[in-house]
Structure formats: C-alpha cells, structure tokens
C-alpha cells in the first residue's frame, strides 16, 4: 500500500577503503609497507512494530487521517515503540607503517554515534564515542641480554611493544517536548600497555608486562577507577 511508511526506505551504501603500498618510490630505504584505511557503517533498526487496526487513509494520501479520540493523536500505519540509528567511522582514519629496521607503528581514530528514539515515553537518547589508538612494535635481533646458558650460546630476539588508547563516551537524553538535554552517562577510559617479549631460546620465552586502565566518569554518581596489572610471564615449551 502507498500508506506504508517503510515502502520508500532504501539501503544507503556503507564503504571500506584500504590503500596498501609495499614499495614507495624514494622511500624504499625507510618503509617496507604502508597501509591507510577508512570505513563507514550505518544501521537503522527497530525492536518490533505492530499494525494499527484503526488506521484509515480514504483519500490515499499516504498519511493517517483518523484521530484517536482518547489521545487526539493520529493513528499511524504501524505502532513502532523504538527506532535506533547507528553511525560509525570504523575507522575514520587508520595508518599502519612498517620500517626497514623492523619497527611497526600504527595510529587509529574511530568515531561513532547512536540515536535511540523511544515512542513510548517520547525520549531521545544520544550516545557519542571517540577513540584514539597509538601503538608500536620493535623487534631487535641478537640482543644478548643473556649471552649463554652453560655451554649453549644464545642469539636472542627482543620485542618491545607499546599500546596506548583514549576513549571518550558521552550519553545524553532529551524529551521531545523540551529543548533541553541532560547527561545520563559518560566516561573517559585511558589505557596504556607496554610489554617486553624476550625469546631466550626455541623453548623458553619471557614476557614482562604492565597494563593500567583508568576510567574517569563524567557524572558524580560513579567513582573513578584505576586497574593496574604488572608482572612476568615465563613460557616453557615441552614439545619435541
């Protein structure tokens, strides 16, 4: 029927663009690989909907023409309790670089927004999120932290890693009959994770790690939280 409000909806294109260069003229002595990525994704979803038994459109305008005498509202074609729209750049910009000295560096920026409209209590909830991630890996061959065990000489690899990220979330609610919005949730999460991975030999690997996550809330009802983990992990392979 022409009165169906969903008949004109068409899917919008999402995209994901990747540029990967393994050889850049003039930079062969610096980079071995560069990858740039950009992507966008959006969704429109409804939890459920019901047909309105009293919907009328006698002139076929495509709009409701019957007014409910109890609420003085038009009776729609469908009763939709909730509509959610999600948009995200995943990522908005991402750069991965591999250098000739076995150093790998990466940077990524993500951004997303979610709108949830409730037609039961007539409120709109908006959630916005931004995240920046920076990381690096560097593998050094033949770093003699332990030169030998007994009579066995070692030629070891050491990998230094560092991951750092900041994510900012904010949620606000607003009523459809008011112009003001009020915050209901939100936090800033800071994560840092450096590690040192040392290969003693083909059977033994030692990993030193440190990880700290700080959560800073944006509303007074939640306290700041800091979680810290640190230690050494020793992996021994008994396989023949």
Protein backbone atom coordinates (compact mmCIF):
# COMPACT_ATOMS: atom_id res chain seq x y z
CA UNK A 1 0.00 0.00 0.00
CA UNK A 2 1.11 3.59 -0.59
CA UNK A 3 0.38 4.39 3.06
CA UNK A 4 3.21 2.11 4.22
CA UNK A 5 5.85 4.48 5.74
CA UNK A 6 8.62 1.93 5.12
CA UNK A 7 7.95 1.49 1.40
CA UNK A 8 10.27 4.35 0.41
CA UNK A 9 13.20 3.31 2.59
CA UNK A 10 16.26 2.20 0.68
CA UNK A 11 19.55 0.94 2.00
CA UNK A 12 22.34 3.51 1.96
CA UNK A 13 25.83 2.42 0.93
CA UNK A 14 28.48 1.61 3.51
CA UNK A 15 32.11 1.55 2.49
CA UNK A 16 35.56 0.43 3.48
CA UNK A 17 38.60 1.84 1.64
CA UNK A 18 42.10 0.39 2.06
CA UNK A 19 45.32 1.60 0.46
CA UNK A 20 48.28 -0.74 0.82
CA UNK A 21 51.70 0.18 -0.57
CA UNK A 22 54.61 -2.25 -0.37
CA UNK A 23 57.00 -0.13 -2.40
CA UNK A 24 57.01 3.67 -2.45
CA UNK A 25 59.40 5.31 -4.84
CA UNK A 26 62.04 7.27 -3.00
CA UNK A 27 61.19 5.75 0.41
CA UNK A 28 62.35 2.16 -0.11
CA UNK A 29 65.14 2.60 2.44
CA UNK A 30 62.71 3.84 5.13
CA UNK A 31 59.42 1.91 4.74
CA UNK A 32 58.66 -1.64 3.68
CA UNK A 33 54.86 -1.27 3.92
CA UNK A 34 52.27 1.49 4.47
CA UNK A 35 48.56 0.84 4.86
CA UNK A 36 45.84 3.51 5.13
CA UNK A 37 42.25 2.58 5.93
CA UNK A 38 38.91 4.40 6.14
CA UNK A 39 35.46 2.93 6.66
CA UNK A 40 31.86 3.93 7.34
CA UNK A 41 28.93 1.84 8.52
CA UNK A 42 25.37 2.74 9.47
CA UNK A 43 22.30 0.77 10.56
CA UNK A 44 18.63 1.52 11.15
CA UNK A 45 16.84 -0.94 13.40
CA UNK A 46 13.53 -1.40 15.20
CA UNK A 47 12.91 -3.77 18.08
CA UNK A 48 9.37 -4.52 16.89
CA UNK A 49 6.29 -2.97 15.32
CA UNK A 50 2.55 -3.72 15.20
CA UNK A 51 -0.06 -2.88 12.61
CA UNK A 52 -2.69 -0.35 13.66
CA UNK A 53 -6.17 -1.84 13.27
CA UNK A 54 -7.84 1.57 13.12
CA UNK A 55 -5.58 3.12 10.51
CA UNK A 56 -7.55 4.90 7.77
CA UNK A 57 -6.44 6.64 4.58
CA UNK A 58 -9.59 7.01 2.47
CA UNK A 59 -8.07 9.54 0.02
CA UNK A 60 -4.83 7.54 -0.38
CA UNK A 61 -2.60 10.45 0.55
CA UNK A 62 -0.16 8.15 2.31
CA UNK A 63 -0.79 9.85 5.66
CA UNK A 64 -3.01 8.91 8.59
CA UNK A 65 -6.43 10.56 8.64
CA UNK A 66 -8.09 9.01 11.70
CA UNK A 67 -7.66 10.70 15.10
CA UNK A 68 -7.85 8.66 18.28
CA UNK A 69 -10.48 10.43 20.43
CA UNK A 70 -8.69 9.42 23.64
CA UNK A 71 -5.28 10.92 22.85
CA UNK A 72 -6.13 13.27 19.95
CA UNK A 73 -3.24 11.70 18.04
CA UNK A 74 -3.37 10.32 14.52
CA UNK A 75 -3.44 6.54 14.28
CA UNK A 76 -0.36 5.54 12.23
CA UNK A 77 0.08 2.65 9.83
CA UNK A 78 2.45 0.94 12.29
CA UNK A 79 3.00 1.32 16.03
CA UNK A 80 6.78 1.49 16.46
CA UNK A 81 7.97 1.56 20.09
CA UNK A 82 11.66 2.21 19.39
CA UNK A 83 13.91 3.25 16.50
CA UNK A 84 17.70 3.13 16.68
CA UNK A 85 20.15 4.69 14.23
CA UNK A 86 23.84 3.86 14.49
CA UNK A 87 26.63 5.53 12.54
CA UNK A 88 30.30 4.82 12.93
CA UNK A 89 33.55 5.56 11.17
CA UNK A 90 35.44 2.33 11.73
CA UNK A 91 37.94 3.79 11.39
CA UNK A 92 37.74 7.41 10.35
CA UNK A 93 41.48 7.23 9.72
CA UNK A 94 43.98 4.44 10.28
CA UNK A 95 47.69 4.37 9.42
CA UNK A 96 49.99 1.35 9.72
CA UNK A 97 53.68 1.69 8.88
CA UNK A 98 56.43 -0.91 8.77
CA UNK A 99 60.00 0.41 8.72
CA UNK A 100 63.10 -1.28 7.38
CA UNK A 101 64.56 -1.57 10.89
CA UNK A 102 61.64 -3.90 11.92
CA UNK A 103 59.76 -1.12 13.67
CA UNK A 104 55.98 -1.15 13.22
CA UNK A 105 53.90 1.90 14.14
CA UNK A 106 50.14 2.38 13.95
CA UNK A 107 47.63 5.10 14.64
CA UNK A 108 43.84 4.89 14.50
CA UNK A 109 40.93 7.25 15.12
CA UNK A 110 37.37 5.95 15.49
CA UNK A 111 34.15 7.89 15.91
CA UNK A 112 30.57 6.69 16.37
CA UNK A 113 27.10 7.97 17.23
CA UNK A 114 23.93 6.17 18.24
CA UNK A 115 20.44 7.68 18.41
CA UNK A 116 17.66 5.77 20.12
CA UNK A 117 14.14 7.23 19.88
CA UNK A 118 11.53 5.85 22.25
CA UNK A 119 7.96 6.48 21.16
CA UNK A 120 6.61 5.13 24.44
CA UNK A 121 7.95 7.84 26.77
CA UNK A 122 8.94 10.18 23.90
CA UNK A 123 12.63 10.48 24.74
CA UNK A 124 15.71 10.56 22.56
CA UNK A 125 18.95 9.03 23.87
CA UNK A 126 22.15 10.04 22.11
CA UNK A 127 25.48 8.30 22.63
CA UNK A 128 28.70 9.65 21.15
CA UNK A 129 32.06 7.91 21.28
CA UNK A 130 35.56 8.80 20.10
CA UNK A 131 38.68 6.66 20.40
CA UNK A 132 42.33 7.28 19.55
CA UNK A 133 44.78 4.36 19.50
CA UNK A 134 48.56 4.58 19.10
CA UNK A 135 50.88 1.61 19.11
CA UNK A 136 54.37 0.48 18.16
CA UNK A 137 56.33 -2.79 17.96
CA UNK A 138 60.08 -3.05 17.59
CA UNK A 139 61.94 -6.33 17.26
CA UNK A 140 65.69 -6.36 17.87
CA UNK A 141 67.57 -9.41 16.70
CA UNK A 142 70.55 -10.80 18.50
CA UNK A 143 70.24 -8.68 21.64
CA UNK A 144 72.46 -10.52 24.11
CA UNK A 145 70.68 -9.90 27.42
CA UNK A 146 71.64 -13.48 28.30
CA UNK A 147 74.66 -14.46 26.22
CA UNK A 148 74.73 -18.13 27.15
CA UNK A 149 73.30 -20.77 29.45
CA UNK A 150 76.02 -23.18 30.42
CA UNK A 151 77.89 -24.02 27.24
CA UNK A 152 74.98 -23.04 24.97
CA UNK A 153 75.36 -19.63 23.29
CA UNK A 154 72.21 -17.68 22.67
CA UNK A 155 71.24 -15.41 19.81
CA UNK A 156 68.02 -13.90 21.08
CA UNK A 157 65.24 -11.66 19.79
CA UNK A 158 63.63 -8.98 21.94
CA UNK A 159 60.33 -7.34 21.01
CA UNK A 160 59.31 -4.05 22.61
CA UNK A 161 55.62 -3.18 22.40
CA UNK A 162 53.64 -0.14 23.46
CA UNK A 163 49.87 0.32 23.11
CA UNK A 164 48.10 3.50 24.21
CA UNK A 165 44.45 4.41 23.74
CA UNK A 166 41.95 7.04 24.88
CA UNK A 167 38.20 6.56 24.53
CA UNK A 168 35.63 9.25 25.33
CA UNK A 169 31.96 8.25 25.74
CA UNK A 170 29.02 10.54 26.45
CA UNK A 171 25.28 9.82 26.67
CA UNK A 172 22.54 12.47 26.83
CA UNK A 173 18.75 12.19 26.99
CA UNK A 174 16.20 14.73 25.80
CA UNK A 175 12.41 14.80 25.76
CA UNK A 176 10.65 15.60 22.52
CA UNK A 177 8.52 18.36 24.06
CA UNK A 178 11.54 20.12 25.62
CA UNK A 179 14.54 21.92 24.18
CA UNK A 180 16.95 20.89 26.95
CA UNK A 181 19.16 17.80 27.07
CA UNK A 182 20.71 16.32 30.20
CA UNK A 183 23.64 13.96 30.56
CA UNK A 184 22.93 10.49 31.91
CA UNK A 185 26.24 8.66 31.47
CA UNK A 186 29.74 9.13 30.17
CA UNK A 187 33.33 8.28 30.86
CA UNK A 188 36.87 8.68 29.62
CA UNK A 189 38.96 5.50 29.51
CA UNK A 190 42.75 5.73 29.27
CA UNK A 191 44.70 2.52 28.65
CA UNK A 192 48.47 2.04 28.49
CA UNK A 193 50.13 -1.33 27.94
CA UNK A 194 53.92 -1.65 27.41
CA UNK A 195 55.46 -5.13 27.17
CA UNK A 196 58.90 -6.66 26.57
CA UNK A 197 58.93 -10.09 24.94
CA UNK A 198 62.29 -11.87 25.23
CA UNK A 199 62.96 -15.11 23.39
CA UNK A 200 65.58 -16.99 25.42
CA UNK A 201 65.71 -19.96 23.01
CA UNK A 202 63.36 -22.10 20.94
CA UNK A 203 61.70 -23.44 24.12
CA UNK A 204 61.74 -20.57 26.60
CA UNK A 205 60.10 -17.18 26.25
CA UNK A 206 59.87 -14.48 28.94
CA UNK A 207 57.39 -11.59 28.84
CA UNK A 208 57.47 -8.52 31.07
CA UNK A 209 54.17 -6.65 31.01
CA UNK A 210 52.49 -3.63 32.56
CA UNK A 211 48.90 -2.62 31.97
CA UNK A 212 46.97 0.25 33.50
CA UNK A 213 43.39 1.29 32.74
CA UNK A 214 41.94 4.49 34.16
CA UNK A 215 38.20 5.18 34.00
CA UNK A 216 37.20 8.78 34.65
CA UNK A 217 33.39 9.21 34.85
CA UNK A 218 31.57 12.32 33.70
CA UNK A 219 28.76 12.11 36.25
CA UNK A 220 29.04 12.36 40.02
CA UNK A 221 27.25 9.09 40.77
CA UNK A 222 30.25 6.99 39.68
CA UNK A 223 33.71 6.99 41.24
CA UNK A 224 36.96 6.98 39.23
CA UNK A 225 38.51 3.52 38.82
CA UNK A 226 42.14 2.58 38.14
CA UNK A 227 43.18 -1.00 37.42
CA UNK A 228 46.88 -1.91 37.22
CA UNK A 229 48.46 -5.22 36.29
CA UNK A 230 52.18 -5.96 36.10
CA UNK A 231 54.42 -8.98 36.22
CA UNK A 232 56.47 -11.50 34.31
CA UNK A 233 55.20 -14.46 32.33
CA UNK A 234 57.52 -17.38 31.59
CA UNK A 235 56.52 -19.78 28.81
CA UNK A 236 58.29 -23.12 28.50
CA UNK A 237 57.57 -25.47 25.61
CA UNK A 238 57.99 -29.20 26.25
CA UNK A 239 57.19 -30.25 22.69
CA UNK A 240 59.77 -32.38 20.93
